[in-house]
Amino acid sequence: MMEIIKINQLTKKYGGTTEVLKGIDLTVHQGEVFGFVGHNGAGKSTLIHTITGIINKSSGSFEIMGFPDKQIDKAKKEMGVMPDISNLYEHMKGIHFLRYMGELVGDQRSKKDYESLMKDVGLEGAEKKKIKSYSFGMKKKISIAQALLGNPNLIILDEPTSGLDPESAIKIRKLVTRLQEQGKTILLTSHNLDEIDKVSDRVGILSDGVIKKLGTPRQLKEEMEAGLSISIRTKPILQEDYIQVLSKKLEMDLNFVETKKEYTLLNVASDNDIPKLSIELIDSGVLLYEIKVEQRSLEDVFMNT
């Protein structure tokens, strides 16, 4: 599998002392959606600005689509980067802006195709409106459209859905999925951890200039801690002393957490304990209505990193 991004011990210092990136190692493969998360100041934007040639690295190295960092200008021809909305030409109409920027990168698509692109990002009906009249969310959308000009193989999206309404955010997530289906590689950052969980093949959690966690969303959630949290709806509601008795009888590590409304929350060692527990409850005359595994989230992983 081709390595689209390869980063080795990348560092970035400001003023010779303030180290923002502290030895980043990372590989992103072709066709992958890679999600970066981290609190403000963690170094996400600095990393993107460094590998796209906006700012210079302090040490280390990186390659983009096989081109070393010294040849970043060659890699830029295959790269689409979502610009900051403050860099948009606000005096231009949306469709004219995209056609102008498209000409700069040799994008030969027709007017109809530009209109289709605006529709893809949720700007249908705003083609002839000046960008200065756009809302914050609309400006984010046209920035995403600009990143797609020139049919790039690598697309870098920095906070693409921040400031968007839920419906628009869903459309952008679907667009990311379609781009991946076309073989594109996508690097994106977001504060929306649920969004990152849904669209990313792998996730890197950046904290204090280093990657603290790296893996698929499922791996990161499973590695967080041993055991599972489950909620059980029964009649009668299970009490703590009864759970202790069951734990000894079944030779199972059952831990009572709390009773919440009509559910009893428990921790069990693994999902293999759930069938044994279910059979015992039913054989004991307990009416069992529902067992739910409480799924961990990337938010849980992030807060415990």
C-alpha atoms as a PDB file:
ATOM      1  CA  MET A   1       0.000   0.000   0.000  1.00  0.00           C
ATOM      2  CA  MET A   2       1.425   3.346  -1.043  1.00  0.00           C
ATOM      3  CA  GLU A   3       2.387   5.775   1.706  1.00  0.00           C
ATOM      4  CA  ILE A   4       0.850   9.154   0.859  1.00  0.00           C
ATOM      5  CA  ILE A   5       2.210  10.918   3.951  1.00  0.00           C
ATOM      6  CA  LYS A   6       5.328   9.784   5.780  1.00  0.00           C
ATOM      7  CA  ILE A   7       6.573  11.850   8.720  1.00  0.00           C
ATOM      8  CA  ASN A   8       9.742  11.098  10.677  1.00  0.00           C
ATOM      9  CA  GLN A   9      10.669  12.848  13.954  1.00  0.00           C
ATOM     10  CA  LEU A  10       9.190  16.143  12.788  1.00  0.00           C
ATOM     11  CA  THR A  11       9.678  19.103  15.106  1.00  0.00           C
ATOM     12  CA  LYS A  12       8.716  22.763  14.960  1.00  0.00           C
ATOM     13  CA  LYS A  13      10.014  25.460  17.245  1.00  0.00           C
ATOM     14  CA  TYR A  14       9.120  29.127  17.395  1.00  0.00           C
ATOM     15  CA  GLY A  15      11.679  31.626  18.610  1.00  0.00           C
ATOM     16  CA  GLY A  16      14.190  28.846  19.055  1.00  0.00           C
ATOM     17  CA  THR A  17      12.638  27.737  22.345  1.00  0.00           C
ATOM     18  CA  THR A  18       8.883  27.162  22.070  1.00  0.00           C
ATOM     19  CA  GLU A  19       8.521  23.637  20.709  1.00  0.00           C
ATOM     20  CA  VAL A  20       5.072  23.036  19.223  1.00  0.00           C
ATOM     21  CA  LEU A  21       5.803  19.733  17.472  1.00  0.00           C
ATOM     22  CA  LYS A  22       8.024  17.385  19.462  1.00  0.00           C
ATOM     23  CA  GLY A  23       9.085  14.550  17.205  1.00  0.00           C
ATOM     24  CA  ILE A  24       6.045  13.433  15.193  1.00  0.00           C
ATOM     25  CA  ASP A  25       6.166  10.013  13.524  1.00  0.00           C
ATOM     26  CA  LEU A  26       3.240   9.174  11.252  1.00  0.00           C
ATOM     27  CA  THR A  27       2.338   7.301   8.077  1.00  0.00           C
ATOM     28  CA  VAL A  28      -0.930   7.813   6.169  1.00  0.00           C
ATOM     29  CA  HIS A  29      -1.758   5.277   3.459  1.00  0.00           C
ATOM     30  CA  GLN A  30      -3.424   5.756   0.082  1.00  0.00           C
ATOM     31  CA  GLY A  31      -7.221   5.758   0.238  1.00  0.00           C
ATOM     32  CA  GLU A  32      -7.283   6.260   3.988  1.00  0.00           C
ATOM     33  CA  VAL A  33      -9.322   8.777   5.951  1.00  0.00           C
ATOM     34  CA  PHE A  34      -7.061   9.797   8.805  1.00  0.00           C
ATOM     35  CA  GLY A  35      -8.523  11.870  11.611  1.00  0.00           C
ATOM     36  CA  PHE A  36      -6.519  14.137  13.902  1.00  0.00           C
ATOM     37  CA  VAL A  37      -7.966  15.264  17.211  1.00  0.00           C
ATOM     38  CA  GLY A  38      -6.513  17.370  19.986  1.00  0.00           C
ATOM     39  CA  HIS A  39      -7.286  20.327  22.166  1.00  0.00           C
ATOM     40  CA  ASN A  40      -6.587  23.879  21.014  1.00  0.00           C
ATOM     41  CA  GLY A  41      -2.829  24.431  20.946  1.00  0.00           C
ATOM     42  CA  ALA A  42      -2.020  20.724  20.630  1.00  0.00           C
ATOM     43  CA  GLY A  43      -0.225  21.326  17.318  1.00  0.00           C
ATOM     44  CA  LYS A  44      -2.764  20.130  14.713  1.00  0.00           C
ATOM     45  CA  SER A  45      -2.706  23.261  12.560  1.00  0.00           C
ATOM     46  CA  THR A  46       1.068  23.592  12.931  1.00  0.00           C
ATOM     47  CA  LEU A  47       1.497  20.056  11.644  1.00  0.00           C
ATOM     48  CA  ILE A  48      -0.742  20.725   8.632  1.00  0.00           C
ATOM     49  CA  HIS A  49       0.993  24.025   7.870  1.00  0.00           C
ATOM     50  CA  THR A  50       4.387  22.303   8.045  1.00  0.00           C
ATOM     51  CA  ILE A  51       3.645  19.369   5.733  1.00  0.00           C
ATOM     52  CA  THR A  52       1.932  21.663   3.213  1.00  0.00           C
ATOM     53  CA  GLY A  53       4.906  24.022   3.070  1.00  0.00           C
ATOM     54  CA  ILE A  54       3.237  27.050   4.655  1.00  0.00           C
ATOM     55  CA  ILE A  55       5.786  27.092   7.469  1.00  0.00           C
ATOM     56  CA  ASN A  56       9.238  25.529   7.687  1.00  0.00           C
ATOM     57  CA  LYS A  57      10.062  22.567   9.908  1.00  0.00           C
ATOM     58  CA  SER A  58      12.738  22.850  12.583  1.00  0.00           C
ATOM     59  CA  SER A  59      14.036  19.288  12.268  1.00  0.00           C
ATOM     60  CA  GLY A  60      13.044  15.825  11.118  1.00  0.00           C
ATOM     61  CA  SER A  61      11.662  15.006   7.679  1.00  0.00           C
ATOM     62  CA  PHE A  62       8.491  14.198   5.770  1.00  0.00           C
ATOM     63  CA  GLU A  63       7.413  12.922   2.375  1.00  0.00           C
ATOM     64  CA  ILE A  64       4.191  13.672   0.508  1.00  0.00           C
ATOM     65  CA  MET A  65       3.295  11.168  -2.215  1.00  0.00           C
ATOM     66  CA  GLY A  66       6.935  10.130  -2.424  1.00  0.00           C
ATOM     67  CA  PHE A  67       8.289  13.668  -2.706  1.00  0.00           C
ATOM     68  CA  PRO A  68      10.705  14.678   0.102  1.00  0.00           C
ATOM     69  CA  ASP A  69      10.004  17.877   2.011  1.00  0.00           C
ATOM     70  CA  LYS A  70      12.581  19.748  -0.064  1.00  0.00           C
ATOM     71  CA  GLN A  71      10.391  19.072  -3.124  1.00  0.00           C
ATOM     72  CA  ILE A  72       7.092  20.051  -1.506  1.00  0.00           C
ATOM     73  CA  ASP A  73       6.203  22.252  -4.494  1.00  0.00           C
ATOM     74  CA  LYS A  74       5.969  19.127  -6.692  1.00  0.00           C
ATOM     75  CA  ALA A  75       3.690  17.435  -4.163  1.00  0.00           C
ATOM     76  CA  LYS A  76       1.396  20.465  -4.047  1.00  0.00           C
ATOM     77  CA  LYS A  77       0.164  19.650  -7.550  1.00  0.00           C
ATOM     78  CA  GLU A  78      -1.472  16.505  -6.141  1.00  0.00           C
ATOM     79  CA  MET A  79      -2.698  18.118  -2.931  1.00  0.00           C
ATOM     80  CA  GLY A  80      -5.896  19.997  -2.078  1.00  0.00           C
ATOM     81  CA  VAL A  81      -5.865  22.022   1.130  1.00  0.00           C
ATOM     82  CA  MET A  82      -8.867  23.705   2.677  1.00  0.00           C
ATOM     83  CA  PRO A  83      -7.909  27.385   3.117  1.00  0.00           C
ATOM     84  CA  ASP A  84      -8.761  29.594   6.060  1.00  0.00           C
ATOM     85  CA  ILE A  85     -11.979  31.478   5.305  1.00  0.00           C
ATOM     86  CA  SER A  86     -10.207  34.802   5.922  1.00  0.00           C
ATOM     87  CA  ASN A  87      -8.300  34.218   2.657  1.00  0.00           C
ATOM     88  CA  LEU A  88     -11.417  34.094   0.468  1.00  0.00           C
ATOM     89  CA  TYR A  89     -11.953  36.814  -2.139  1.00  0.00           C
ATOM     90  CA  GLU A  90     -15.158  38.172  -0.666  1.00  0.00           C
ATOM     91  CA  HIS A  91     -15.891  40.627  -3.481  1.00  0.00           C
ATOM     92  CA  MET A  92     -16.366  37.724  -5.910  1.00  0.00           C
ATOM     93  CA  LYS A  93     -19.460  35.638  -6.498  1.00  0.00           C
ATOM     94  CA  GLY A  94     -19.161  32.048  -5.331  1.00  0.00           C
ATOM     95  CA  ILE A  95     -19.166  30.427  -8.760  1.00  0.00           C
ATOM     96  CA  HIS A  96     -16.741  33.015 -10.170  1.00  0.00           C
ATOM     97  CA  PHE A  97     -14.382  32.515  -7.235  1.00  0.00           C
ATOM     98  CA  LEU A  98     -14.228  28.757  -7.777  1.00  0.00           C
ATOM     99  CA  ARG A  99     -13.742  29.128 -11.543  1.00  0.00           C
ATOM    100  CA  TYR A 100     -10.940  31.641 -10.954  1.00  0.00           C
ATOM    101  CA  MET A 101      -9.184  29.421  -8.398  1.00  0.00           C
ATOM    102  CA  GLY A 102      -9.777  26.425 -10.663  1.00  0.00           C
ATOM    103  CA  GLU A 103      -8.005  28.131 -13.554  1.00  0.00           C
ATOM    104  CA  LEU A 104      -4.980  28.706 -11.327  1.00  0.00           C
ATOM    105  CA  VAL A 105      -4.611  24.961 -10.749  1.00  0.00           C
ATOM    106  CA  GLY A 106      -5.532  23.940 -14.298  1.00  0.00           C
ATOM    107  CA  ASP A 107      -9.012  22.663 -13.487  1.00  0.00           C
ATOM    108  CA  GLN A 108     -10.807  22.400 -16.841  1.00  0.00           C
ATOM    109  CA  ARG A 109     -14.294  21.521 -15.625  1.00  0.00           C
ATOM    110  CA  SER A 110     -17.377  23.128 -17.184  1.00  0.00           C
ATOM    111  CA  LYS A 111     -19.652  25.727 -15.600  1.00  0.00           C
ATOM    112  CA  LYS A 112     -22.182  22.971 -14.971  1.00  0.00           C
ATOM    113  CA  ASP A 113     -19.534  20.939 -13.149  1.00  0.00           C
ATOM    114  CA  TYR A 114     -18.654  23.923 -10.960  1.00  0.00           C
ATOM    115  CA  GLU A 115     -22.322  24.271 -10.098  1.00  0.00           C
ATOM    116  CA  SER A 116     -22.396  20.561  -9.276  1.00  0.00           C
ATOM    117  CA  LEU A 117     -19.385  21.030  -6.985  1.00  0.00           C
ATOM    118  CA  MET A 118     -21.166  23.820  -5.114  1.00  0.00           C
ATOM    119  CA  LYS A 119     -24.186  21.553  -4.756  1.00  0.00           C
ATOM    120  CA  ASP A 120     -21.972  18.765  -3.373  1.00  0.00           C
ATOM    121  CA  VAL A 121     -20.805  20.990  -0.520  1.00  0.00           C
ATOM    122  CA  GLY A 122     -24.269  22.376   0.171  1.00  0.00           C
ATOM    123  CA  LEU A 123     -24.105  25.716  -1.641  1.00  0.00           C
ATOM    124  CA  GLU A 124     -26.835  25.144  -4.197  1.00  0.00           C
ATOM    125  CA  GLY A 125     -28.583  28.473  -4.845  1.00  0.00           C
ATOM    126  CA  ALA A 126     -25.627  30.550  -3.639  1.00  0.00           C
ATOM    127  CA  GLU A 127     -23.627  30.405  -6.876  1.00  0.00           C
ATOM    128  CA  LYS A 128     -24.245  34.030  -7.843  1.00  0.00           C
ATOM    129  CA  LYS A 129     -24.122  35.538  -4.371  1.00  0.00           C
ATOM    130  CA  LYS A 130     -20.994  37.429  -3.342  1.00  0.00           C
ATOM    131  CA  ILE A 131     -18.899  35.622  -0.761  1.00  0.00           C
ATOM    132  CA  LYS A 132     -19.065  38.620   1.577  1.00  0.00           C
ATOM    133  CA  SER A 133     -22.795  37.893   1.955  1.00  0.00           C
ATOM    134  CA  TYR A 134     -22.118  34.270   2.927  1.00  0.00           C
ATOM    135  CA  SER A 135     -22.600  33.107   6.492  1.00  0.00           C
ATOM    136  CA  PHE A 136     -19.651  31.614   8.394  1.00  0.00           C
ATOM    137  CA  GLY A 137     -20.870  28.113   7.552  1.00  0.00           C
ATOM    138  CA  MET A 138     -21.239  28.921   3.849  1.00  0.00           C
ATOM    139  CA  LYS A 139     -17.686  30.240   3.762  1.00  0.00           C
ATOM    140  CA  LYS A 140     -16.504  26.964   5.267  1.00  0.00           C
ATOM    141  CA  LYS A 141     -18.329  25.100   2.511  1.00  0.00           C
ATOM    142  CA  ILE A 142     -16.771  27.065  -0.328  1.00  0.00           C
ATOM    143  CA  SER A 143     -13.360  26.553   1.294  1.00  0.00           C
ATOM    144  CA  ILE A 144     -13.994  22.815   1.128  1.00  0.00           C
ATOM    145  CA  ALA A 145     -14.987  23.169  -2.534  1.00  0.00           C
ATOM    146  CA  GLN A 146     -11.748  25.041  -3.234  1.00  0.00           C
ATOM    147  CA  ALA A 147      -9.749  22.171  -1.698  1.00  0.00           C
ATOM    148  CA  LEU A 148     -11.318  19.800  -4.265  1.00  0.00           C
ATOM    149  CA  LEU A 149     -10.252  21.833  -7.317  1.00  0.00           C
ATOM    150  CA  GLY A 150      -7.734  20.177  -9.601  1.00  0.00           C
ATOM    151  CA  ASN A 151      -8.852  16.658  -8.655  1.00  0.00           C
ATOM    152  CA  PRO A 152      -6.181  16.201  -5.943  1.00  0.00           C
ATOM    153  CA  ASN A 153      -5.164  12.764  -4.658  1.00  0.00           C
ATOM    154  CA  LEU A 154      -4.538  14.065  -1.138  1.00  0.00           C
ATOM    155  CA  ILE A 155      -7.178  16.289   0.487  1.00  0.00           C
ATOM    156  CA  ILE A 156      -6.457  18.065   3.764  1.00  0.00           C
ATOM    157  CA  LEU A 157      -9.444  19.458   5.640  1.00  0.00           C
ATOM    158  CA  ASP A 158      -8.902  21.464   8.836  1.00  0.00           C
ATOM    159  CA  GLU A 159     -12.095  21.593  10.913  1.00  0.00           C
ATOM    160  CA  PRO A 160     -14.370  21.223   7.841  1.00  0.00           C
ATOM    161  CA  THR A 161     -17.673  21.094   9.757  1.00  0.00           C
ATOM    162  CA  SER A 162     -17.094  23.559  12.583  1.00  0.00           C
ATOM    163  CA  GLY A 163     -19.792  26.204  12.467  1.00  0.00           C
ATOM    164  CA  LEU A 164     -22.065  24.132  10.240  1.00  0.00           C
ATOM    165  CA  ASP A 165     -25.617  23.142  11.111  1.00  0.00           C
ATOM    166  CA  PRO A 166     -26.208  19.393  11.663  1.00  0.00           C
ATOM    167  CA  GLU A 167     -27.694  18.827   8.198  1.00  0.00           C
ATOM    168  CA  SER A 168     -24.739  20.497   6.470  1.00  0.00           C
ATOM    169  CA  ALA A 169     -22.258  18.570   8.635  1.00  0.00           C
ATOM    170  CA  ILE A 170     -23.899  15.295   7.597  1.00  0.00           C
ATOM    171  CA  LYS A 171     -23.605  16.279   3.913  1.00  0.00           C
ATOM    172  CA  ILE A 172     -19.906  17.006   4.346  1.00  0.00           C
ATOM    173  CA  ARG A 173     -19.361  13.640   6.055  1.00  0.00           C
ATOM    174  CA  LYS A 174     -21.094  11.928   3.121  1.00  0.00           C
ATOM    175  CA  LEU A 175     -18.898  13.901   0.731  1.00  0.00           C
ATOM    176  CA  VAL A 176     -15.781  12.670   2.563  1.00  0.00           C
ATOM    177  CA  THR A 177     -17.037   9.096   2.185  1.00  0.00           C
ATOM    178  CA  ARG A 178     -17.644   9.579  -1.562  1.00  0.00           C
ATOM    179  CA  LEU A 179     -14.173  11.036  -2.015  1.00  0.00           C
ATOM    180  CA  GLN A 180     -12.646   8.038  -0.286  1.00  0.00           C
ATOM    181  CA  GLU A 181     -14.635   5.720  -2.556  1.00  0.00           C
ATOM    182  CA  GLN A 182     -12.974   7.514  -5.483  1.00  0.00           C
ATOM    183  CA  GLY A 183      -9.566   6.536  -4.063  1.00  0.00           C
ATOM    184  CA  LYS A 184      -8.726   9.864  -2.457  1.00  0.00           C
ATOM    185  CA  THR A 185      -6.657  10.094   0.717  1.00  0.00           C
ATOM    186  CA  ILE A 186      -8.098  12.473   3.304  1.00  0.00           C
ATOM    187  CA  LEU A 187      -6.448  14.000   6.338  1.00  0.00           C
ATOM    188  CA  LEU A 188      -8.884  15.893   8.513  1.00  0.00           C
ATOM    189  CA  THR A 189      -8.972  17.528  11.910  1.00  0.00           C
ATOM    190  CA  SER A 190     -12.070  18.096  13.979  1.00  0.00           C
ATOM    191  CA  HIS A 191     -13.231  18.846  17.503  1.00  0.00           C
ATOM    192  CA  ASN A 192     -16.294  16.718  16.750  1.00  0.00           C
ATOM    193  CA  LEU A 193     -15.146  13.335  18.052  1.00  0.00           C
ATOM    194  CA  ASP A 194     -18.336  11.576  16.969  1.00  0.00           C
ATOM    195  CA  GLU A 195     -17.690  12.787  13.421  1.00  0.00           C
ATOM    196  CA  ILE A 196     -14.087  11.557  13.517  1.00  0.00           C
ATOM    197  CA  ASP A 197     -15.313   8.194  14.818  1.00  0.00           C
ATOM    198  CA  LYS A 198     -17.783   7.815  11.937  1.00  0.00           C
ATOM    199  CA  VAL A 199     -15.569   8.719   8.985  1.00  0.00           C
ATOM    200  CA  SER A 200     -11.988   7.852   9.971  1.00  0.00           C
ATOM    201  CA  ASP A 201     -10.132   4.627   9.271  1.00  0.00           C
ATOM    202  CA  ARG A 202      -7.500   5.607  11.807  1.00  0.00           C
ATOM    203  CA  VAL A 203      -7.209   8.346  14.395  1.00  0.00           C
ATOM    204  CA  GLY A 204      -4.281  10.147  15.961  1.00  0.00           C
ATOM    205  CA  ILE A 205      -4.730  11.976  19.255  1.00  0.00           C
ATOM    206  CA  LEU A 206      -2.281  14.862  19.403  1.00  0.00           C
ATOM    207  CA  SER A 207      -1.417  16.325  22.790  1.00  0.00           C
ATOM    208  CA  ASP A 208       1.370  18.721  23.739  1.00  0.00           C
ATOM    209  CA  GLY A 209       3.099  18.292  20.391  1.00  0.00           C
ATOM    210  CA  VAL A 210       3.225  14.484  20.352  1.00  0.00           C
ATOM    211  CA  ILE A 211       0.897  11.717  19.175  1.00  0.00           C
ATOM    212  CA  LYS A 212      -0.327  10.097  22.386  1.00  0.00           C
ATOM    213  CA  LYS A 213      -2.714   7.579  20.791  1.00  0.00           C
ATOM    214  CA  LEU A 214      -2.845   6.065  17.306  1.00  0.00           C
ATOM    215  CA  GLY A 215      -5.114   3.383  15.857  1.00  0.00           C
ATOM    216  CA  THR A 216      -8.531   2.626  14.459  1.00  0.00           C
ATOM    217  CA  PRO A 217     -11.446   4.118  16.426  1.00  0.00           C
ATOM    218  CA  ARG A 218     -12.384   0.614  17.549  1.00  0.00           C
ATOM    219  CA  GLN A 219      -8.845  -0.201  18.711  1.00  0.00           C
ATOM    220  CA  LEU A 220      -8.585   2.993  20.721  1.00  0.00           C
ATOM    221  CA  LYS A 221     -11.901   2.344  22.442  1.00  0.00           C
ATOM    222  CA  GLU A 222     -11.096  -1.293  23.186  1.00  0.00           C
ATOM    223  CA  GLU A 223      -7.648  -0.459  24.569  1.00  0.00           C
ATOM    224  CA  MET A 224      -8.993   2.118  26.986  1.00  0.00           C
ATOM    225  CA  GLU A 225      -9.536  -0.379  29.796  1.00  0.00           C
ATOM    226  CA  ALA A 226     -10.429  -4.002  30.350  1.00  0.00           C
ATOM    227  CA  GLY A 227     -14.032  -5.056  30.765  1.00  0.00           C
ATOM    228  CA  LEU A 228     -17.402  -3.849  29.549  1.00  0.00           C
ATOM    229  CA  SER A 229     -20.130  -1.674  30.971  1.00  0.00           C
ATOM    230  CA  ILE A 230     -23.650  -3.071  30.529  1.00  0.00           C
ATOM    231  CA  SER A 231     -27.123  -1.940  31.522  1.00  0.00           C
ATOM    232  CA  ILE A 232     -29.797  -4.523  32.410  1.00  0.00           C
ATOM    233  CA  ARG A 233     -33.550  -3.883  32.545  1.00  0.00           C
ATOM    234  CA  THR A 234     -35.283  -6.420  34.762  1.00  0.00           C
ATOM    235  CA  LYS A 235     -38.180  -6.921  37.137  1.00  0.00           C
ATOM    236  CA  PRO A 236     -37.436  -6.713  39.963  1.00  0.00           C
ATOM    237  CA  ILE A 237     -34.577  -4.221  39.607  1.00  0.00           C
ATOM    238  CA  LEU A 238     -31.298  -5.854  40.610  1.00  0.00           C
ATOM    239  CA  GLN A 239     -29.761  -4.634  43.859  1.00  0.00           C
ATOM    240  CA  GLU A 240     -26.103  -4.460  44.831  1.00  0.00           C
ATOM    241  CA  ASP A 241     -26.230  -7.299  47.383  1.00  0.00           C
ATOM    242  CA  TYR A 242     -27.875  -9.604  44.807  1.00  0.00           C
ATOM    243  CA  ILE A 243     -25.115  -8.787  42.266  1.00  0.00           C
ATOM    244  CA  GLN A 244     -22.497  -9.751  44.854  1.00  0.00           C
ATOM    245  CA  VAL A 245     -24.219 -13.101  45.378  1.00  0.00           C
ATOM    246  CA  LEU A 246     -24.390 -13.692  41.615  1.00  0.00           C
ATOM    247  CA  SER A 247     -20.727 -12.822  41.217  1.00  0.00           C
ATOM    248  CA  LYS A 248     -19.696 -15.521  43.719  1.00  0.00           C
ATOM    249  CA  LYS A 249     -22.148 -18.100  42.412  1.00  0.00           C
ATOM    250  CA  LEU A 250     -21.086 -17.717  38.777  1.00  0.00           C
ATOM    251  CA  GLU A 251     -17.411 -17.186  39.652  1.00  0.00           C
ATOM    252  CA  MET A 252     -17.645 -14.056  37.553  1.00  0.00           C
ATOM    253  CA  ASP A 253     -16.263 -10.580  38.126  1.00  0.00           C
ATOM    254  CA  LEU A 254     -19.535  -8.622  38.320  1.00  0.00           C
ATOM    255  CA  ASN A 255     -19.291  -5.095  39.655  1.00  0.00           C
ATOM    256  CA  PHE A 256     -22.420  -3.120  40.570  1.00  0.00           C
ATOM    257  CA  VAL A 257     -22.174   0.505  39.434  1.00  0.00           C
ATOM    258  CA  GLU A 258     -25.580   2.041  40.125  1.00  0.00           C
ATOM    259  CA  THR A 259     -29.293   1.778  39.531  1.00  0.00           C
ATOM    260  CA  LYS A 260     -30.613   4.347  37.066  1.00  0.00           C
ATOM    261  CA  LYS A 261     -34.398   4.457  36.639  1.00  0.00           C
ATOM    262  CA  GLU A 262     -35.315   0.877  35.721  1.00  0.00           C
ATOM    263  CA  TYR A 263     -31.809  -0.150  34.655  1.00  0.00           C
ATOM    264  CA  THR A 264     -29.006  -1.701  36.664  1.00  0.00           C
ATOM    265  CA  LEU A 265     -25.544  -0.664  35.498  1.00  0.00           C
ATOM    266  CA  LEU A 266     -22.789  -3.266  35.817  1.00  0.00           C
ATOM    267  CA  ASN A 267     -19.198  -3.846  34.813  1.00  0.00           C
ATOM    268  CA  VAL A 268     -18.317  -7.313  33.501  1.00  0.00           C
ATOM    269  CA  ALA A 269     -14.957  -8.754  32.497  1.00  0.00           C
ATOM    270  CA  SER A 270     -15.915  -9.555  28.888  1.00  0.00           C
ATOM    271  CA  ASP A 271     -18.864 -10.068  26.565  1.00  0.00           C
ATOM    272  CA  ASN A 272     -18.485 -13.826  27.175  1.00  0.00           C
ATOM    273  CA  ASP A 273     -19.994 -13.225  30.641  1.00  0.00           C
ATOM    274  CA  ILE A 274     -23.255 -11.852  29.240  1.00  0.00           C
ATOM    275  CA  PRO A 275     -24.856 -15.179  28.121  1.00  0.00           C
ATOM    276  CA  LYS A 276     -24.012 -16.872  31.456  1.00  0.00           C
ATOM    277  CA  LEU A 277     -25.471 -13.948  33.366  1.00  0.00           C
ATOM    278  CA  SER A 278     -28.635 -13.932  31.218  1.00  0.00           C
ATOM    279  CA  ILE A 279     -29.259 -17.671  31.738  1.00  0.00           C
ATOM    280  CA  GLU A 280     -28.795 -17.389  35.495  1.00  0.00           C
ATOM    281  CA  LEU A 281     -31.199 -14.464  35.798  1.00  0.00           C
ATOM    282  CA  ILE A 282     -33.910 -16.235  33.799  1.00  0.00           C
ATOM    283  CA  ASP A 283     -33.421 -19.522  35.725  1.00  0.00           C
ATOM    284  CA  SER A 284     -33.758 -17.552  38.964  1.00  0.00           C
ATOM    285  CA  GLY A 285     -37.167 -16.210  37.935  1.00  0.00           C
ATOM    286  CA  VAL A 286     -35.989 -12.682  37.169  1.00  0.00           C
ATOM    287  CA  LEU A 287     -37.867 -11.124  34.235  1.00  0.00           C
ATOM    288  CA  LEU A 288     -35.180 -10.014  31.791  1.00  0.00           C
ATOM    289  CA  TYR A 289     -36.338  -7.356  29.316  1.00  0.00           C
ATOM    290  CA  GLU A 290     -33.121  -5.925  27.899  1.00  0.00           C
ATOM    291  CA  ILE A 291     -29.318  -6.019  28.086  1.00  0.00           C
ATOM    292  CA  LYS A 292     -27.348  -3.230  26.456  1.00  0.00           C
ATOM    293  CA  VAL A 293     -23.584  -2.927  26.107  1.00  0.00           C
ATOM    294  CA  GLU A 294     -22.627   0.651  26.908  1.00  0.00           C
ATOM    295  CA  GLN A 295     -20.335   1.475  24.002  1.00  0.00           C
ATOM    296  CA  ARG A 296     -17.285   3.572  24.740  1.00  0.00           C
ATOM    297  CA  SER A 297     -16.688   6.602  22.569  1.00  0.00           C
ATOM    298  CA  LEU A 298     -13.692   8.476  21.226  1.00  0.00           C
ATOM    299  CA  GLU A 299     -14.633  11.172  23.699  1.00  0.00           C
ATOM    300  CA  ASP A 300     -13.912   8.700  26.505  1.00  0.00           C
ATOM    301  CA  VAL A 301     -10.534   7.892  24.940  1.00  0.00           C
ATOM    302  CA  PHE A 302      -9.720  11.578  24.428  1.00  0.00           C
ATOM    303  CA  MET A 303     -10.599  12.538  27.986  1.00  0.00           C
ATOM    304  CA  ASN A 304      -8.420   9.730  29.330  1.00  0.00           C
ATOM    305  CA  THR A 305      -5.384  10.519  27.161  1.00  0.00           C
END
